[in-house]
Amino acid sequence: MTDGLVEKDDDNWYPQLRLHYFITMGREYLAERDRSKAKAQMEAGENALWKPDFNRGQLLPAVLLLEELNIRYFLTPGIMFRGSDVELQKLKALAVQHRYFIRDYLGVSVSEGLSGIAIIQRLLSKLGLKLSYVSRMGSRDKRERVYQFIQPKDERNVIYQAWQSRVIGVHQ
């Protein structure tokens, strides 16, 4: 492990990576992961299962919520996003509708007063990601900022490949 990875881990990078991994390439292993964690806690004894810790350890509800919000669409490199885009308006409406679930499962506050861009940036931050500002479009009185997802160059792909190899080795 490099010094940079150790430093990032100290900054709470692991939960962000884990959530991003299970939304993308590790999705098929998530239900089994949650099931085995639950089973281990139940087998550890009656006092070992504390509901808040148990619920926090289960990632499937958070992943299902992010899937419902169509988060993977916003992780597509090359697509430009503006606040007026239909997909961002849909995301905002769904996020406001499910704001209490978002708060409980992701720890993100959402309100009607936030823009679609602000909401997606908050959600992406839970994955250690963001949309990057690329330009402005429109006439002077109707100018909008334009954002785009740019794949991070933070070594997460190396970690994901290691996790994938480990999981595949277990399932063979």
Protein backbone atom coordinates (compact mmCIF):
# COMPACT_ATOMS: atom_id res chain seq x y z
CA MET A 1 0.00 0.00 0.00
CA THR A 2 1.38 3.40 -0.92
CA ASP A 3 1.75 6.35 1.46
CA GLY A 4 -0.94 8.18 -0.55
CA LEU A 5 -3.42 5.35 -0.01
CA VAL A 6 -2.68 5.25 3.72
CA GLU A 7 -3.25 9.00 3.93
CA LYS A 8 -6.53 8.73 2.01
CA ASP A 9 -7.66 5.91 4.27
CA ASP A 10 -6.98 8.15 7.26
CA ASP A 11 -9.36 10.65 5.65
CA ASN A 12 -12.21 8.09 5.71
CA TRP A 13 -11.77 7.03 2.09
CA TYR A 14 -12.65 3.35 2.62
CA PRO A 15 -16.44 3.84 3.14
CA GLN A 16 -16.57 6.00 -0.02
CA LEU A 17 -14.68 3.39 -2.05
CA ARG A 18 -16.73 0.54 -0.69
CA LEU A 19 -20.02 2.22 -1.62
CA HIS A 20 -18.74 3.13 -5.10
CA TYR A 21 -17.46 -0.41 -5.63
CA PHE A 22 -20.80 -1.96 -4.72
CA ILE A 23 -22.71 0.43 -6.97
CA THR A 24 -20.49 -0.47 -9.90
CA MET A 25 -18.42 -3.60 -10.34
CA GLY A 26 -19.20 -5.36 -7.04
CA ARG A 27 -22.99 -5.10 -7.18
CA GLU A 28 -23.54 -8.82 -7.75
CA TYR A 29 -21.70 -9.64 -4.50
CA LEU A 30 -23.49 -7.14 -2.29
CA ALA A 31 -26.46 -9.22 -1.15
CA GLU A 32 -24.17 -12.08 -0.15
CA ARG A 33 -21.85 -9.66 1.67
CA ASP A 34 -24.72 -8.18 3.69
CA ARG A 35 -26.16 -11.62 4.38
CA SER A 36 -22.86 -13.01 5.68
CA LYS A 37 -22.28 -9.93 7.88
CA ALA A 38 -25.78 -10.30 9.36
CA LYS A 39 -25.30 -14.02 9.92
CA ALA A 40 -21.96 -13.46 11.66
CA GLN A 41 -23.48 -10.87 13.99
CA MET A 42 -26.43 -13.11 14.85
CA GLU A 43 -24.18 -16.10 15.50
CA ALA A 44 -21.92 -14.03 17.77
CA GLY A 45 -24.60 -14.02 20.42
CA GLU A 46 -27.57 -12.08 21.68
CA ASN A 47 -25.58 -9.10 22.97
CA ALA A 48 -23.47 -8.80 19.80
CA LEU A 49 -26.33 -7.49 17.68
CA TRP A 50 -27.01 -3.81 18.22
CA LYS A 51 -29.54 -2.51 15.72
CA PRO A 52 -27.87 0.84 14.88
CA ASP A 53 -24.53 -0.86 14.14
CA PHE A 54 -26.27 -3.66 12.27
CA ASN A 55 -28.22 -1.22 10.08
CA ARG A 56 -25.15 0.91 9.42
CA GLY A 57 -23.21 -2.19 8.35
CA GLN A 58 -25.78 -3.16 5.73
CA LEU A 59 -24.98 -1.48 2.40
CA LEU A 60 -27.79 -2.86 0.24
CA PRO A 61 -30.37 -0.22 1.31
CA ALA A 62 -27.95 2.62 0.47
CA VAL A 63 -27.07 1.07 -2.89
CA LEU A 64 -30.73 0.48 -3.76
CA LEU A 65 -31.48 4.10 -2.88
CA LEU A 66 -28.65 5.37 -5.09
CA GLU A 67 -29.83 3.09 -7.90
CA GLU A 68 -33.35 4.49 -7.58
CA LEU A 69 -31.83 7.97 -7.94
CA ASN A 70 -30.04 6.76 -11.12
CA ILE A 71 -26.63 7.72 -9.75
CA ARG A 72 -24.75 5.64 -12.34
CA TYR A 73 -26.05 7.91 -15.11
CA PHE A 74 -24.12 10.79 -13.53
CA LEU A 75 -20.95 8.67 -13.48
CA THR A 76 -20.80 8.54 -17.28
CA PRO A 77 -17.74 10.38 -18.59
CA GLY A 78 -18.36 12.79 -21.45
CA ILE A 79 -21.95 13.77 -20.62
CA MET A 80 -22.41 17.45 -19.85
CA PHE A 81 -24.81 18.42 -17.05
CA ARG A 82 -26.63 21.69 -16.43
CA GLY A 83 -29.09 22.50 -13.68
CA SER A 84 -31.93 22.64 -16.21
CA ASP A 85 -31.32 19.10 -17.55
CA VAL A 86 -34.28 16.72 -17.33
CA GLU A 87 -32.27 14.01 -15.56
CA LEU A 88 -31.12 16.46 -12.90
CA GLN A 89 -34.68 17.68 -12.39
CA LYS A 90 -35.85 14.05 -11.99
CA LEU A 91 -33.04 13.41 -9.52
CA LYS A 92 -33.96 16.48 -7.50
CA ALA A 93 -37.66 15.55 -7.37
CA LEU A 94 -36.86 11.97 -6.28
CA ALA A 95 -34.25 13.12 -3.76
CA VAL A 96 -36.65 15.61 -2.16
CA GLN A 97 -39.36 12.93 -2.09
CA HIS A 98 -36.99 10.43 -0.41
CA ARG A 99 -35.00 12.95 1.64
CA TYR A 100 -35.55 11.16 4.95
CA PHE A 101 -34.29 7.86 3.57
CA ILE A 102 -31.32 9.68 2.05
CA ARG A 103 -30.56 11.26 5.41
CA ASP A 104 -30.93 7.97 7.30
CA TYR A 105 -29.04 5.68 4.92
CA LEU A 106 -26.48 8.04 3.40
CA GLY A 107 -26.15 10.81 5.96
CA VAL A 108 -26.87 13.46 3.31
CA SER A 109 -29.32 16.32 3.86
CA VAL A 110 -31.53 17.23 0.90
CA SER A 111 -34.08 20.02 0.70
CA GLU A 112 -36.31 21.68 -1.88
CA GLY A 113 -34.09 24.77 -1.80
CA LEU A 114 -31.04 22.93 -3.17
CA SER A 115 -30.33 22.83 -6.89
CA GLY A 116 -30.10 19.53 -8.74
CA ILE A 117 -26.35 20.11 -9.13
CA ALA A 118 -25.93 20.66 -5.37
CA ILE A 119 -27.87 17.45 -4.64
CA ILE A 120 -25.89 15.31 -7.07
CA GLN A 121 -22.62 16.75 -5.75
CA ARG A 122 -23.65 15.80 -2.19
CA LEU A 123 -24.59 12.29 -3.27
CA LEU A 124 -21.40 11.81 -5.29
CA SER A 125 -19.32 13.00 -2.34
CA LYS A 126 -20.51 9.86 -0.50
CA LEU A 127 -18.61 7.93 -3.19
CA GLY A 128 -15.57 10.19 -3.04
CA LEU A 129 -16.52 11.61 -6.44
CA LYS A 130 -17.79 14.87 -7.94
CA LEU A 131 -18.85 16.56 -11.12
CA SER A 132 -16.23 18.98 -12.44
CA TYR A 133 -17.07 22.46 -13.66
CA VAL A 134 -16.18 22.74 -17.36
CA SER A 135 -17.85 25.88 -18.76
CA ARG A 136 -20.85 28.18 -18.90
CA MET A 137 -23.55 28.10 -21.55
CA GLY A 138 -26.34 30.39 -22.58
CA SER A 139 -26.93 34.08 -23.05
CA ARG A 140 -25.84 36.57 -20.44
CA ASP A 141 -29.21 36.63 -18.62
CA LYS A 142 -29.77 32.84 -18.79
CA ARG A 143 -26.26 31.55 -18.29
CA GLU A 144 -25.82 28.12 -16.71
CA ARG A 145 -22.78 26.35 -15.39
CA VAL A 146 -21.90 23.11 -17.14
CA TYR A 147 -20.47 20.10 -15.28
CA GLN A 148 -19.07 16.76 -16.33
CA PHE A 149 -17.96 13.60 -14.57
CA ILE A 150 -14.26 13.02 -14.98
CA GLN A 151 -12.95 9.63 -13.93
CA PRO A 152 -10.75 10.15 -10.84
CA LYS A 153 -7.08 9.27 -11.01
CA ASP A 154 -6.84 8.28 -7.36
CA GLU A 155 -5.81 4.60 -7.56
CA ARG A 156 -9.29 3.32 -6.73
CA ASN A 157 -9.21 1.11 -9.83
CA VAL A 158 -6.18 -0.74 -8.39
CA ILE A 159 -8.06 -1.34 -5.15
CA TYR A 160 -11.21 -2.47 -6.98
CA GLN A 161 -9.21 -4.96 -9.05
CA ALA A 162 -7.71 -6.40 -5.86
CA TRP A 163 -11.15 -6.66 -4.26
CA GLN A 164 -12.56 -8.24 -7.42
CA SER A 165 -9.75 -10.81 -7.53
CA ARG A 166 -10.34 -11.69 -3.89
CA VAL A 167 -14.10 -12.08 -4.37
CA ILE A 168 -13.72 -14.15 -7.52
CA GLY A 169 -11.18 -16.37 -5.74
CA VAL A 170 -13.65 -17.00 -2.91
CA HIS A 171 -16.48 -17.89 -5.32
CA GLN A 172 -14.47 -20.39 -7.38
